[in-house]
Amino acid sequence: MVRVYVAGAYSADNVMGVLHNIGKGIKLSFQVFKAGYAPFCPWLDYHYVLEDVDEELIVPDFYNYSIAFLVVCHAVLLVPGWENSKGTAAELAIADDLSIPVFDNLEELIATFPISVKPI
């Protein structure tokens, strides 16, 4: 199964912006999943934050965890609006160093990595 790292903005200047970014990331990740791929969705990390009542986790913990998945992915798919995300820029630099192809839309990803078996 093709592993796809879905990358885009997470942070924002306000809570509503963060929630909007989470929604966009999860929506695209779900579309990737429905298309028959194995997406990594960093926006689901909010569940860990909700569980971390003692606030033991710090931002670098999430970065390191995400990069551990990025380096084993076959492709990166960008969420529209990623351009102002410092984190996404760093992820793209890593993808470039590892020659992991980057796609701006799901259609390009599907054309490059066609699924031979229709998903259930």
PDB file of N, CA and C in Angstrom:
ATOM      1  N   MET A   1       0.855  -1.182   0.000  1.00  0.00           N
ATOM      2  CA  MET A   1       0.000   0.000   0.000  1.00  0.00           C
ATOM      3  C   MET A   1       0.898   1.240   0.000  1.00  0.00           C
ATOM      4  N   VAL A   2       0.541   2.202  -0.808  1.00  0.00           N
ATOM      5  CA  VAL A   2       1.313   3.438  -0.924  1.00  0.00           C
ATOM      6  C   VAL A   2       1.063   4.313   0.312  1.00  0.00           C
ATOM      7  N   ARG A   3       2.167   4.674   0.985  1.00  0.00           N
ATOM      8  CA  ARG A   3       2.097   5.523   2.171  1.00  0.00           C
ATOM      9  C   ARG A   3       2.240   6.986   1.744  1.00  0.00           C
ATOM     10  N   VAL A   4       1.286   7.808   2.171  1.00  0.00           N
ATOM     11  CA  VAL A   4       1.242   9.220   1.774  1.00  0.00           C
ATOM     12  C   VAL A   4       1.268  10.101   3.019  1.00  0.00           C
ATOM     13  N   TYR A   5       2.263  10.973   3.081  1.00  0.00           N
ATOM     14  CA  TYR A   5       2.354  11.947   4.159  1.00  0.00           C
ATOM     15  C   TYR A   5       1.565  13.173   3.713  1.00  0.00           C
ATOM     16  N   VAL A   6       0.514  13.501   4.433  1.00  0.00           N
ATOM     17  CA  VAL A   6      -0.299  14.667   4.097  1.00  0.00           C
ATOM     18  C   VAL A   6       0.256  15.840   4.899  1.00  0.00           C
ATOM     19  N   ALA A   7       0.673  16.892   4.192  1.00  0.00           N
ATOM     20  CA  ALA A   7       1.377  18.009   4.827  1.00  0.00           C
ATOM     21  C   ALA A   7       0.640  19.321   4.589  1.00  0.00           C
ATOM     22  N   GLY A   8       0.619  20.141   5.620  1.00  0.00           N
ATOM     23  CA  GLY A   8      -0.007  21.447   5.493  1.00  0.00           C
ATOM     24  C   GLY A   8       0.026  22.180   6.811  1.00  0.00           C
ATOM     25  N   ALA A   9      -0.571  23.339   6.815  1.00  0.00           N
ATOM     26  CA  ALA A   9      -0.577  24.183   8.009  1.00  0.00           C
ATOM     27  C   ALA A   9      -1.355  23.528   9.143  1.00  0.00           C
ATOM     28  N   TYR A  10      -0.835  23.687  10.332  1.00  0.00           N
ATOM     29  CA  TYR A  10      -1.519  23.234  11.551  1.00  0.00           C
ATOM     30  C   TYR A  10      -1.765  24.455  12.434  1.00  0.00           C
ATOM     31  N   SER A  11      -0.712  25.166  12.741  1.00  0.00           N
ATOM     32  CA  SER A  11      -0.799  26.336  13.612  1.00  0.00           C
ATOM     33  C   SER A  11      -1.523  27.486  12.922  1.00  0.00           C
ATOM     34  N   ALA A  12      -1.966  28.428  13.733  1.00  0.00           N
ATOM     35  CA  ALA A  12      -2.621  29.649  13.236  1.00  0.00           C
ATOM     36  C   ALA A  12      -2.540  30.699  14.339  1.00  0.00           C
ATOM     37  N   ASP A  13      -3.003  31.886  14.027  1.00  0.00           N
ATOM     38  CA  ASP A  13      -2.967  32.984  14.995  1.00  0.00           C
ATOM     39  C   ASP A  13      -4.048  32.883  16.060  1.00  0.00           C
ATOM     40  N   ASN A  14      -5.039  32.028  15.826  1.00  0.00           N
ATOM     41  CA  ASN A  14      -6.126  31.900  16.784  1.00  0.00           C
ATOM     42  C   ASN A  14      -6.691  30.481  16.744  1.00  0.00           C
ATOM     43  N   VAL A  15      -7.493  30.165  17.728  1.00  0.00           N
ATOM     44  CA  VAL A  15      -8.053  28.819  17.852  1.00  0.00           C
ATOM     45  C   VAL A  15      -8.891  28.452  16.636  1.00  0.00           C
ATOM     46  N   MET A  16      -9.671  29.371  16.129  1.00  0.00           N
ATOM     47  CA  MET A  16     -10.518  29.066  14.972  1.00  0.00           C
ATOM     48  C   MET A  16      -9.668  28.719  13.751  1.00  0.00           C
ATOM     49  N   GLY A  17      -8.545  29.411  13.599  1.00  0.00           N
ATOM     50  CA  GLY A  17      -7.645  29.107  12.495  1.00  0.00           C
ATOM     51  C   GLY A  17      -7.037  27.721  12.631  1.00  0.00           C
ATOM     52  N   VAL A  18      -6.646  27.350  13.850  1.00  0.00           N
ATOM     53  CA  VAL A  18      -6.105  26.003  14.090  1.00  0.00           C
ATOM     54  C   VAL A  18      -7.175  24.962  13.766  1.00  0.00           C
ATOM     55  N   LEU A  19      -8.391  25.177  14.245  1.00  0.00           N
ATOM     56  CA  LEU A  19      -9.474  24.219  13.976  1.00  0.00           C
ATOM     57  C   LEU A  19      -9.766  24.106  12.481  1.00  0.00           C
ATOM     58  N   HIS A  20      -9.709  25.210  11.786  1.00  0.00           N
ATOM     59  CA  HIS A  20      -9.910  25.202  10.341  1.00  0.00           C
ATOM     60  C   HIS A  20      -8.817  24.378   9.663  1.00  0.00           C
ATOM     61  N   ASN A  21      -7.565  24.576  10.077  1.00  0.00           N
ATOM     62  CA  ASN A  21      -6.456  23.815   9.508  1.00  0.00           C
ATOM     63  C   ASN A  21      -6.593  22.324   9.808  1.00  0.00           C
ATOM     64  N   ILE A  22      -6.999  21.993  11.027  1.00  0.00           N
ATOM     65  CA  ILE A  22      -7.211  20.592  11.385  1.00  0.00           C
ATOM     66  C   ILE A  22      -8.280  19.983  10.482  1.00  0.00           C
ATOM     67  N   GLY A  23      -9.364  20.707  10.286  1.00  0.00           N
ATOM     68  CA  GLY A  23     -10.444  20.206   9.431  1.00  0.00           C
ATOM     69  C   GLY A  23      -9.993  19.963   7.997  1.00  0.00           C
ATOM     70  N   LYS A  24      -9.233  20.898   7.448  1.00  0.00           N
ATOM     71  CA  LYS A  24      -8.751  20.739   6.069  1.00  0.00           C
ATOM     72  C   LYS A  24      -7.819  19.540   5.944  1.00  0.00           C
ATOM     73  N   GLY A  25      -6.926  19.384   6.918  1.00  0.00           N
ATOM     74  CA  GLY A  25      -5.974  18.277   6.876  1.00  0.00           C
ATOM     75  C   GLY A  25      -6.643  16.925   7.017  1.00  0.00           C
ATOM     76  N   ILE A  26      -7.575  16.829   7.944  1.00  0.00           N
ATOM     77  CA  ILE A  26      -8.283  15.562   8.141  1.00  0.00           C
ATOM     78  C   ILE A  26      -9.129  15.233   6.919  1.00  0.00           C
ATOM     79  N   LYS A  27      -9.781  16.225   6.339  1.00  0.00           N
ATOM     80  CA  LYS A  27     -10.618  15.984   5.168  1.00  0.00           C
ATOM     81  C   LYS A  27      -9.787  15.428   4.006  1.00  0.00           C
ATOM     82  N   LEU A  28      -8.642  16.051   3.716  1.00  0.00           N
ATOM     83  CA  LEU A  28      -7.811  15.565   2.618  1.00  0.00           C
ATOM     84  C   LEU A  28      -7.242  14.184   2.944  1.00  0.00           C
ATOM     85  N   SER A  29      -6.843  13.962   4.174  1.00  0.00           N
ATOM     86  CA  SER A  29      -6.325  12.651   4.572  1.00  0.00           C
ATOM     87  C   SER A  29      -7.392  11.574   4.377  1.00  0.00           C
ATOM     88  N   PHE A  30      -8.631  11.887   4.704  1.00  0.00           N
ATOM     89  CA  PHE A  30      -9.730  10.942   4.516  1.00  0.00           C
ATOM     90  C   PHE A  30      -9.940  10.647   3.029  1.00  0.00           C
ATOM     91  N   GLN A  31      -9.833  11.668   2.192  1.00  0.00           N
ATOM     92  CA  GLN A  31      -9.962  11.452   0.745  1.00  0.00           C
ATOM     93  C   GLN A  31      -8.847  10.540   0.237  1.00  0.00           C
ATOM     94  N   VAL A  32      -7.640  10.711   0.757  1.00  0.00           N
ATOM     95  CA  VAL A  32      -6.511   9.857   0.393  1.00  0.00           C
ATOM     96  C   VAL A  32      -6.814   8.413   0.804  1.00  0.00           C
ATOM     97  N   PHE A  33      -7.318   8.237   2.003  1.00  0.00           N
ATOM     98  CA  PHE A  33      -7.668   6.917   2.514  1.00  0.00           C
ATOM     99  C   PHE A  33      -8.759   6.267   1.652  1.00  0.00           C
ATOM    100  N   LYS A  34      -9.804   7.032   1.347  1.00  0.00           N
ATOM    101  CA  LYS A  34     -10.895   6.501   0.515  1.00  0.00           C
ATOM    102  C   LYS A  34     -10.417   6.134  -0.884  1.00  0.00           C
ATOM    103  N   ALA A  35      -9.382   6.793  -1.366  1.00  0.00           N
ATOM    104  CA  ALA A  35      -8.854   6.505  -2.700  1.00  0.00           C
ATOM    105  C   ALA A  35      -7.987   5.238  -2.714  1.00  0.00           C
ATOM    106  N   GLY A  36      -7.718   4.670  -1.534  1.00  0.00           N
ATOM    107  CA  GLY A  36      -6.986   3.417  -1.471  1.00  0.00           C
ATOM    108  C   GLY A  36      -5.547   3.511  -1.022  1.00  0.00           C
ATOM    109  N   TYR A  37      -5.166   4.645  -0.465  1.00  0.00           N
ATOM    110  CA  TYR A  37      -3.803   4.858  -0.005  1.00  0.00           C
ATOM    111  C   TYR A  37      -3.756   4.835   1.527  1.00  0.00           C
ATOM    112  N   ALA A  38      -2.549   4.800   2.086  1.00  0.00           N
ATOM    113  CA  ALA A  38      -2.363   4.817   3.537  1.00  0.00           C
ATOM    114  C   ALA A  38      -1.823   6.184   3.949  1.00  0.00           C
ATOM    115  N   PRO A  39      -2.713   7.107   4.337  1.00  0.00           N
ATOM    116  CA  PRO A  39      -2.246   8.448   4.689  1.00  0.00           C
ATOM    117  C   PRO A  39      -1.720   8.534   6.121  1.00  0.00           C
ATOM    118  N   PHE A  40      -0.720   9.390   6.314  1.00  0.00           N
ATOM    119  CA  PHE A  40      -0.342   9.811   7.659  1.00  0.00           C
ATOM    120  C   PHE A  40      -0.946  11.193   7.841  1.00  0.00           C
ATOM    121  N   CYS A  41      -1.768  11.365   8.869  1.00  0.00           N
ATOM    122  CA  CYS A  41      -2.515  12.604   9.108  1.00  0.00           C
ATOM    123  C   CYS A  41      -2.045  13.267  10.401  1.00  0.00           C
ATOM    124  N   PRO A  42      -1.114  14.227  10.318  1.00  0.00           N
ATOM    125  CA  PRO A  42      -0.608  14.867  11.531  1.00  0.00           C
ATOM    126  C   PRO A  42      -1.665  15.603  12.349  1.00  0.00           C
ATOM    127  N   TRP A  43      -2.769  15.968  11.727  1.00  0.00           N
ATOM    128  CA  TRP A  43      -3.800  16.731  12.440  1.00  0.00           C
ATOM    129  C   TRP A  43      -4.522  15.892  13.476  1.00  0.00           C
ATOM    130  N   LEU A  44      -4.396  14.588  13.405  1.00  0.00           N
ATOM    131  CA  LEU A  44      -5.004  13.740  14.430  1.00  0.00           C
ATOM    132  C   LEU A  44      -4.213  13.782  15.741  1.00  0.00           C
ATOM    133  N   ASP A  45      -3.078  14.458  15.729  1.00  0.00           N
ATOM    134  CA  ASP A  45      -2.277  14.610  16.952  1.00  0.00           C
ATOM    135  C   ASP A  45      -3.047  15.330  18.051  1.00  0.00           C
ATOM    136  N   TYR A  46      -4.071  16.072  17.690  1.00  0.00           N
ATOM    137  CA  TYR A  46      -4.808  16.797  18.721  1.00  0.00           C
ATOM    138  C   TYR A  46      -5.357  15.843  19.776  1.00  0.00           C
ATOM    139  N   HIS A  47      -5.580  14.576  19.396  1.00  0.00           N
ATOM    140  CA  HIS A  47      -6.047  13.589  20.371  1.00  0.00           C
ATOM    141  C   HIS A  47      -5.005  13.391  21.477  1.00  0.00           C
ATOM    142  N   TYR A  48      -3.741  13.389  21.092  1.00  0.00           N
ATOM    143  CA  TYR A  48      -2.684  13.228  22.088  1.00  0.00           C
ATOM    144  C   TYR A  48      -2.641  14.423  23.032  1.00  0.00           C
ATOM    145  N   VAL A  49      -2.870  15.598  22.501  1.00  0.00           N
ATOM    146  CA  VAL A  49      -2.874  16.799  23.336  1.00  0.00           C
ATOM    147  C   VAL A  49      -4.016  16.728  24.345  1.00  0.00           C
ATOM    148  N   LEU A  50      -5.169  16.252  23.920  1.00  0.00           N
ATOM    149  CA  LEU A  50      -6.309  16.126  24.830  1.00  0.00           C
ATOM    150  C   LEU A  50      -6.037  15.128  25.951  1.00  0.00           C
ATOM    151  N   GLU A  51      -5.242  14.114  25.662  1.00  0.00           N
ATOM    152  CA  GLU A  51      -4.901  13.100  26.666  1.00  0.00           C
ATOM    153  C   GLU A  51      -3.762  13.539  27.582  1.00  0.00           C
ATOM    154  N   ASP A  52      -2.979  14.506  27.160  1.00  0.00           N
ATOM    155  CA  ASP A  52      -1.785  14.927  27.885  1.00  0.00           C
ATOM    156  C   ASP A  52      -2.136  15.957  28.956  1.00  0.00           C
ATOM    157  N   VAL A  53      -2.923  15.544  29.946  1.00  0.00           N
ATOM    158  CA  VAL A  53      -3.389  16.483  30.968  1.00  0.00           C
ATOM    159  C   VAL A  53      -2.248  17.039  31.816  1.00  0.00           C
ATOM    160  N   ASP A  54      -1.136  16.317  31.891  1.00  0.00           N
ATOM    161  CA  ASP A  54       0.008  16.798  32.660  1.00  0.00           C
ATOM    162  C   ASP A  54       0.953  17.661  31.824  1.00  0.00           C
ATOM    163  N   GLU A  55       0.595  17.881  30.556  1.00  0.00           N
ATOM    164  CA  GLU A  55       1.368  18.713  29.637  1.00  0.00           C
ATOM    165  C   GLU A  55       2.833  18.290  29.566  1.00  0.00           C
ATOM    166  N   GLU A  56       3.040  16.993  29.413  1.00  0.00           N
ATOM    167  CA  GLU A  56       4.396  16.465  29.316  1.00  0.00           C
ATOM    168  C   GLU A  56       4.948  16.557  27.895  1.00  0.00           C
ATOM    169  N   LEU A  57       4.072  16.563  26.905  1.00  0.00           N
ATOM    170  CA  LEU A  57       4.518  16.635  25.515  1.00  0.00           C
ATOM    171  C   LEU A  57       4.828  18.075  25.130  1.00  0.00           C
ATOM    172  N   ILE A  58       5.857  18.228  24.291  1.00  0.00           N
ATOM    173  CA  ILE A  58       6.200  19.549  23.779  1.00  0.00           C
ATOM    174  C   ILE A  58       6.206  19.481  22.249  1.00  0.00           C
ATOM    175  N   VAL A  59       6.175  20.620  21.602  1.00  0.00           N
ATOM    176  CA  VAL A  59       6.070  20.676  20.149  1.00  0.00           C
ATOM    177  C   VAL A  59       7.125  19.820  19.442  1.00  0.00           C
ATOM    178  N   PRO A  60       8.394  19.850  19.854  1.00  0.00           N
ATOM    179  CA  PRO A  60       9.376  18.994  19.175  1.00  0.00           C
ATOM    180  C   PRO A  60       9.035  17.502  19.226  1.00  0.00           C
ATOM    181  N   ASP A  61       8.321  17.061  20.267  1.00  0.00           N
ATOM    182  CA  ASP A  61       7.890  15.661  20.316  1.00  0.00           C
ATOM    183  C   ASP A  61       7.009  15.335  19.115  1.00  0.00           C
ATOM    184  N   PHE A  62       6.123  16.245  18.775  1.00  0.00           N
ATOM    185  CA  PHE A  62       5.227  16.032  17.638  1.00  0.00           C
ATOM    186  C   PHE A  62       5.991  16.100  16.318  1.00  0.00           C
ATOM    187  N   TYR A  63       6.925  17.044  16.204  1.00  0.00           N
ATOM    188  CA  TYR A  63       7.728  17.139  14.987  1.00  0.00           C
ATOM    189  C   TYR A  63       8.510  15.846  14.751  1.00  0.00           C
ATOM    190  N   ASN A  64       9.167  15.365  15.788  1.00  0.00           N
ATOM    191  CA  ASN A  64       9.979  14.151  15.656  1.00  0.00           C
ATOM    192  C   ASN A  64       9.122  12.946  15.287  1.00  0.00           C
ATOM    193  N   TYR A  65       7.974  12.835  15.899  1.00  0.00           N
ATOM    194  CA  TYR A  65       7.042  11.745  15.628  1.00  0.00           C
ATOM    195  C   TYR A  65       6.565  11.805  14.169  1.00  0.00           C
ATOM    196  N   SER A  66       6.221  12.982  13.699  1.00  0.00           N
ATOM    197  CA  SER A  66       5.756  13.135  12.321  1.00  0.00           C
ATOM    198  C   SER A  66       6.862  12.812  11.315  1.00  0.00           C
ATOM    199  N   ILE A  67       8.059  13.293  11.576  1.00  0.00           N
ATOM    200  CA  ILE A  67       9.166  13.062  10.649  1.00  0.00           C
ATOM    201  C   ILE A  67       9.503  11.574  10.567  1.00  0.00           C
ATOM    202  N   ALA A  68       9.313  10.846  11.661  1.00  0.00           N
ATOM    203  CA  ALA A  68       9.544   9.392  11.632  1.00  0.00           C
ATOM    204  C   ALA A  68       8.635   8.720  10.602  1.00  0.00           C
ATOM    205  N   PHE A  69       7.442   9.260  10.395  1.00  0.00           N
ATOM    206  CA  PHE A  69       6.549   8.732   9.371  1.00  0.00           C
ATOM    207  C   PHE A  69       6.893   9.279   7.985  1.00  0.00           C
ATOM    208  N   LEU A  70       7.241  10.548   7.927  1.00  0.00           N
ATOM    209  CA  LEU A  70       7.571  11.158   6.640  1.00  0.00           C
ATOM    210  C   LEU A  70       8.673  10.377   5.924  1.00  0.00           C
ATOM    211  N   VAL A  71       9.712  10.002   6.639  1.00  0.00           N
ATOM    212  CA  VAL A  71      10.869   9.385   5.997  1.00  0.00           C
ATOM    213  C   VAL A  71      10.583   8.002   5.415  1.00  0.00           C
ATOM    214  N   VAL A  72       9.463   7.397   5.779  1.00  0.00           N
ATOM    215  CA  VAL A  72       9.122   6.077   5.220  1.00  0.00           C
ATOM    216  C   VAL A  72       7.944   6.151   4.246  1.00  0.00           C
ATOM    217  N   CYS A  73       7.516   7.348   3.921  1.00  0.00           N
ATOM    218  CA  CYS A  73       6.399   7.500   2.981  1.00  0.00           C
ATOM    219  C   CYS A  73       6.895   7.474   1.541  1.00  0.00           C
ATOM    220  N   HIS A  74       5.993   7.073   0.653  1.00  0.00           N
ATOM    221  CA  HIS A  74       6.281   7.043  -0.777  1.00  0.00           C
ATOM    222  C   HIS A  74       6.055   8.402  -1.431  1.00  0.00           C
ATOM    223  N   ALA A  75       5.208   9.231  -0.794  1.00  0.00           N
ATOM    224  CA  ALA A  75       4.835  10.509  -1.392  1.00  0.00           C
ATOM    225  C   ALA A  75       4.374  11.480  -0.313  1.00  0.00           C
ATOM    226  N   VAL A  76       4.400  12.753  -0.672  1.00  0.00           N
ATOM    227  CA  VAL A  76       3.853  13.818   0.169  1.00  0.00           C
ATOM    228  C   VAL A  76       2.740  14.480  -0.634  1.00  0.00           C
ATOM    229  N   LEU A  77       1.614  14.727   0.025  1.00  0.00           N
ATOM    230  CA  LEU A  77       0.495  15.434  -0.596  1.00  0.00           C
ATOM    231  C   LEU A  77       0.240  16.705   0.204  1.00  0.00           C
ATOM    232  N   LEU A  78       0.214  17.834  -0.485  1.00  0.00           N
ATOM    233  CA  LEU A  78       0.064  19.130   0.168  1.00  0.00           C
ATOM    234  C   LEU A  78      -1.394  19.559   0.280  1.00  0.00           C
ATOM    235  N   VAL A  79      -1.742  20.051   1.452  1.00  0.00           N
ATOM    236  CA  VAL A  79      -3.059  20.634   1.680  1.00  0.00           C
ATOM    237  C   VAL A  79      -3.023  22.067   1.166  1.00  0.00           C
ATOM    238  N   PRO A  80      -4.004  22.480   0.376  1.00  0.00           N
ATOM    239  CA  PRO A  80      -4.023  23.878  -0.078  1.00  0.00           C
ATOM    240  C   PRO A  80      -3.888  24.845   1.103  1.00  0.00           C
ATOM    241  N   GLY A  81      -3.078  25.880   0.911  1.00  0.00           N
ATOM    242  CA  GLY A  81      -2.832  26.859   1.954  1.00  0.00           C
ATOM    243  C   GLY A  81      -1.592  26.570   2.776  1.00  0.00           C
ATOM    244  N   TRP A  82      -0.804  25.591   2.385  1.00  0.00           N
ATOM    245  CA  TRP A  82       0.397  25.191   3.116  1.00  0.00           C
ATOM    246  C   TRP A  82       1.517  26.230   3.013  1.00  0.00           C
ATOM    247  N   GLU A  83       1.440  27.119   2.058  1.00  0.00           N
ATOM    248  CA  GLU A  83       2.560  27.991   1.699  1.00  0.00           C
ATOM    249  C   GLU A  83       3.117  28.824   2.853  1.00  0.00           C
ATOM    250  N   ASN A  84       2.317  29.166   3.836  1.00  0.00           N
ATOM    251  CA  ASN A  84       2.801  29.984   4.951  1.00  0.00           C
ATOM    252  C   ASN A  84       3.193  29.158   6.170  1.00  0.00           C
ATOM    253  N   SER A  85       3.283  27.850   6.000  1.00  0.00           N
ATOM    254  CA  SER A  85       3.591  26.965   7.111  1.00  0.00           C
ATOM    255  C   SER A  85       5.093  26.670   7.171  1.00  0.00           C
ATOM    256  N   LYS A  86       5.729  27.107   8.253  1.00  0.00           N
ATOM    257  CA  LYS A  86       7.156  26.830   8.439  1.00  0.00           C
ATOM    258  C   LYS A  86       7.397  25.332   8.602  1.00  0.00           C
ATOM    259  N   GLY A  87       6.494  24.666   9.294  1.00  0.00           N
ATOM    260  CA  GLY A  87       6.630  23.229   9.489  1.00  0.00           C
ATOM    261  C   GLY A  87       6.569  22.468   8.173  1.00  0.00           C
ATOM    262  N   THR A  88       5.646  22.865   7.307  1.00  0.00           N
ATOM    263  CA  THR A  88       5.534  22.206   6.005  1.00  0.00           C
ATOM    264  C   THR A  88       6.780  22.470   5.171  1.00  0.00           C
ATOM    265  N   ALA A  89       7.305  23.678   5.236  1.00  0.00           N
ATOM    266  CA  ALA A  89       8.540  23.979   4.497  1.00  0.00           C
ATOM    267  C   ALA A  89       9.674  23.070   4.961  1.00  0.00           C
ATOM    268  N   ALA A  90       9.777  22.837   6.258  1.00  0.00           N
ATOM    269  CA  ALA A  90      10.805  21.942   6.784  1.00  0.00           C
ATOM    270  C   ALA A  90      10.561  20.505   6.322  1.00  0.00           C
ATOM    271  N   GLU A  91       9.303  20.084   6.305  1.00  0.00           N
ATOM    272  CA  GLU A  91       8.969  18.737   5.831  1.00  0.00           C
ATOM    273  C   GLU A  91       9.311  18.578   4.355  1.00  0.00           C
ATOM    274  N   LEU A  92       9.055  19.607   3.570  1.00  0.00           N
ATOM    275  CA  LEU A  92       9.377  19.547   2.141  1.00  0.00           C
ATOM    276  C   LEU A  92      10.879  19.475   1.904  1.00  0.00           C
ATOM    277  N   ALA A  93      11.656  20.138   2.737  1.00  0.00           N
ATOM    278  CA  ALA A  93      13.115  20.058   2.609  1.00  0.00           C
ATOM    279  C   ALA A  93      13.589  18.628   2.872  1.00  0.00           C
ATOM    280  N   ILE A  94      12.995  17.985   3.854  1.00  0.00           N
ATOM    281  CA  ILE A  94      13.347  16.589   4.156  1.00  0.00           C
ATOM    282  C   ILE A  94      12.922  15.688   3.003  1.00  0.00           C
ATOM    283  N   ALA A  95      11.712  15.888   2.495  1.00  0.00           N
ATOM    284  CA  ALA A  95      11.234  15.090   1.362  1.00  0.00           C
ATOM    285  C   ALA A  95      12.158  15.260   0.163  1.00  0.00           C
ATOM    286  N   ASP A  96      12.595  16.482  -0.079  1.00  0.00           N
ATOM    287  CA  ASP A  96      13.502  16.747  -1.190  1.00  0.00           C
ATOM    288  C   ASP A  96      14.836  16.017  -0.993  1.00  0.00           C
ATOM    289  N   ASP A  97      15.364  16.077   0.217  1.00  0.00           N
ATOM    290  CA  ASP A  97      16.627  15.391   0.517  1.00  0.00           C
ATOM    291  C   ASP A  97      16.519  13.884   0.293  1.00  0.00           C
ATOM    292  N   LEU A  98      15.341  13.328   0.548  1.00  0.00           N
ATOM    293  CA  LEU A  98      15.126  11.885   0.420  1.00  0.00           C
ATOM    294  C   LEU A  98      14.526  11.493  -0.933  1.00  0.00           C
ATOM    295  N   SER A  99      14.360  12.476  -1.825  1.00  0.00           N
ATOM    296  CA  SER A  99      13.771  12.251  -3.159  1.00  0.00           C
ATOM    297  C   SER A  99      12.367  11.662  -3.085  1.00  0.00           C
ATOM    298  N   ILE A 100      11.608  12.107  -2.097  1.00  0.00           N
ATOM    299  CA  ILE A 100      10.203  11.701  -1.971  1.00  0.00           C
ATOM    300  C   ILE A 100       9.387  12.671  -2.820  1.00  0.00           C
ATOM    301  N   PRO A 101       8.613  12.166  -3.784  1.00  0.00           N
ATOM    302  CA  PRO A 101       7.847  13.075  -4.633  1.00  0.00           C
ATOM    303  C   PRO A 101       6.748  13.804  -3.860  1.00  0.00           C
ATOM    304  N   VAL A 102       6.517  15.050  -4.272  1.00  0.00           N
ATOM    305  CA  VAL A 102       5.533  15.912  -3.628  1.00  0.00           C
ATOM    306  C   VAL A 102       4.455  16.256  -4.641  1.00  0.00           C
ATOM    307  N   PHE A 103       3.200  16.198  -4.188  1.00  0.00           N
ATOM    308  CA  PHE A 103       2.066  16.455  -5.068  1.00  0.00           C
ATOM    309  C   PHE A 103       1.194  17.566  -4.500  1.00  0.00           C
ATOM    310  N   ASP A 104       0.663  18.380  -5.424  1.00  0.00           N
ATOM    311  CA  ASP A 104      -0.226  19.481  -5.032  1.00  0.00           C
ATOM    312  C   ASP A 104      -1.685  19.063  -4.957  1.00  0.00           C
ATOM    313  N   ASN A 105      -2.010  17.920  -5.572  1.00  0.00           N
ATOM    314  CA  ASN A 105      -3.401  17.481  -5.523  1.00  0.00           C
ATOM    315  C   ASN A 105      -3.475  15.961  -5.637  1.00  0.00           C
ATOM    316  N   LEU A 106      -4.596  15.442  -5.210  1.00  0.00           N
ATOM    317  CA  LEU A 106      -4.807  14.001  -5.168  1.00  0.00           C
ATOM    318  C   LEU A 106      -4.790  13.380  -6.556  1.00  0.00           C
ATOM    319  N   GLU A 107      -5.270  14.107  -7.545  1.00  0.00           N
ATOM    320  CA  GLU A 107      -5.303  13.575  -8.907  1.00  0.00           C
ATOM    321  C   GLU A 107      -3.896  13.274  -9.422  1.00  0.00           C
ATOM    322  N   GLU A 108      -2.943  14.164  -9.139  1.00  0.00           N
ATOM    323  CA  GLU A 108      -1.550  13.938  -9.547  1.00  0.00           C
ATOM    324  C   GLU A 108      -0.972  12.718  -8.837  1.00  0.00           C
ATOM    325  N   LEU A 109      -1.291  12.589  -7.565  1.00  0.00           N
ATOM    326  CA  LEU A 109      -0.815  11.431  -6.794  1.00  0.00           C
ATOM    327  C   LEU A 109      -1.344  10.135  -7.401  1.00  0.00           C
ATOM    328  N   ILE A 110      -2.632  10.110  -7.697  1.00  0.00           N
ATOM    329  CA  ILE A 110      -3.262   8.917  -8.266  1.00  0.00           C
ATOM    330  C   ILE A 110      -2.658   8.594  -9.634  1.00  0.00           C
ATOM    331  N   ALA A 111      -2.384   9.599 -10.441  1.00  0.00           N
ATOM    332  CA  ALA A 111      -1.792   9.362 -11.758  1.00  0.00           C
ATOM    333  C   ALA A 111      -0.393   8.778 -11.652  1.00  0.00           C
ATOM    334  N   THR A 112       0.345   9.173 -10.618  1.00  0.00           N
ATOM    335  CA  THR A 112       1.711   8.696 -10.437  1.00  0.00           C
ATOM    336  C   THR A 112       1.767   7.337  -9.740  1.00  0.00           C
ATOM    337  N   PHE A 113       0.872   7.136  -8.781  1.00  0.00           N
ATOM    338  CA  PHE A 113       0.811   5.887  -8.025  1.00  0.00           C
ATOM    339  C   PHE A 113      -0.583   5.273  -8.162  1.00  0.00           C
ATOM    340  N   PRO A 114      -0.910   4.754  -9.358  1.00  0.00           N
ATOM    341  CA  PRO A 114      -2.259   4.194  -9.529  1.00  0.00           C
ATOM    342  C   PRO A 114      -2.481   2.975  -8.632  1.00  0.00           C
ATOM    343  N   ILE A 115      -3.696   2.852  -8.180  1.00  0.00           N
ATOM    344  CA  ILE A 115      -4.094   1.724  -7.341  1.00  0.00           C
ATOM    345  C   ILE A 115      -4.581   0.611  -8.268  1.00  0.00           C
ATOM    346  N   SER A 116      -3.972  -0.552  -8.138  1.00  0.00           N
ATOM    347  CA  SER A 116      -4.348  -1.660  -9.020  1.00  0.00           C
ATOM    348  C   SER A 116      -5.566  -2.419  -8.509  1.00  0.00           C
ATOM    349  N   VAL A 117      -5.848  -2.316  -7.226  1.00  0.00           N
ATOM    350  CA  VAL A 117      -7.007  -3.000  -6.640  1.00  0.00           C
ATOM    351  C   VAL A 117      -7.942  -1.946  -6.079  1.00  0.00           C
ATOM    352  N   LYS A 118      -9.191  -2.005  -6.477  1.00  0.00           N
ATOM    353  CA  LYS A 118     -10.173  -1.030  -5.977  1.00  0.00           C
ATOM    354  C   LYS A 118     -10.335  -1.194  -4.480  1.00  0.00           C
ATOM    355  N   PRO A 119     -10.262  -0.081  -3.722  1.00  0.00           N
ATOM    356  CA  PRO A 119     -10.455  -0.176  -2.277  1.00  0.00           C
ATOM    357  C   PRO A 119     -11.848  -0.669  -1.923  1.00  0.00           C
ATOM    358  N   ILE A 120     -11.966  -1.270  -0.765  1.00  0.00           N
ATOM    359  CA  ILE A 120     -13.265  -1.784  -0.295  1.00  0.00           C
ATOM    360  C   ILE A 120     -14.177  -0.632   0.053  1.00  0.00           C
TER     361      ILE A 120
END
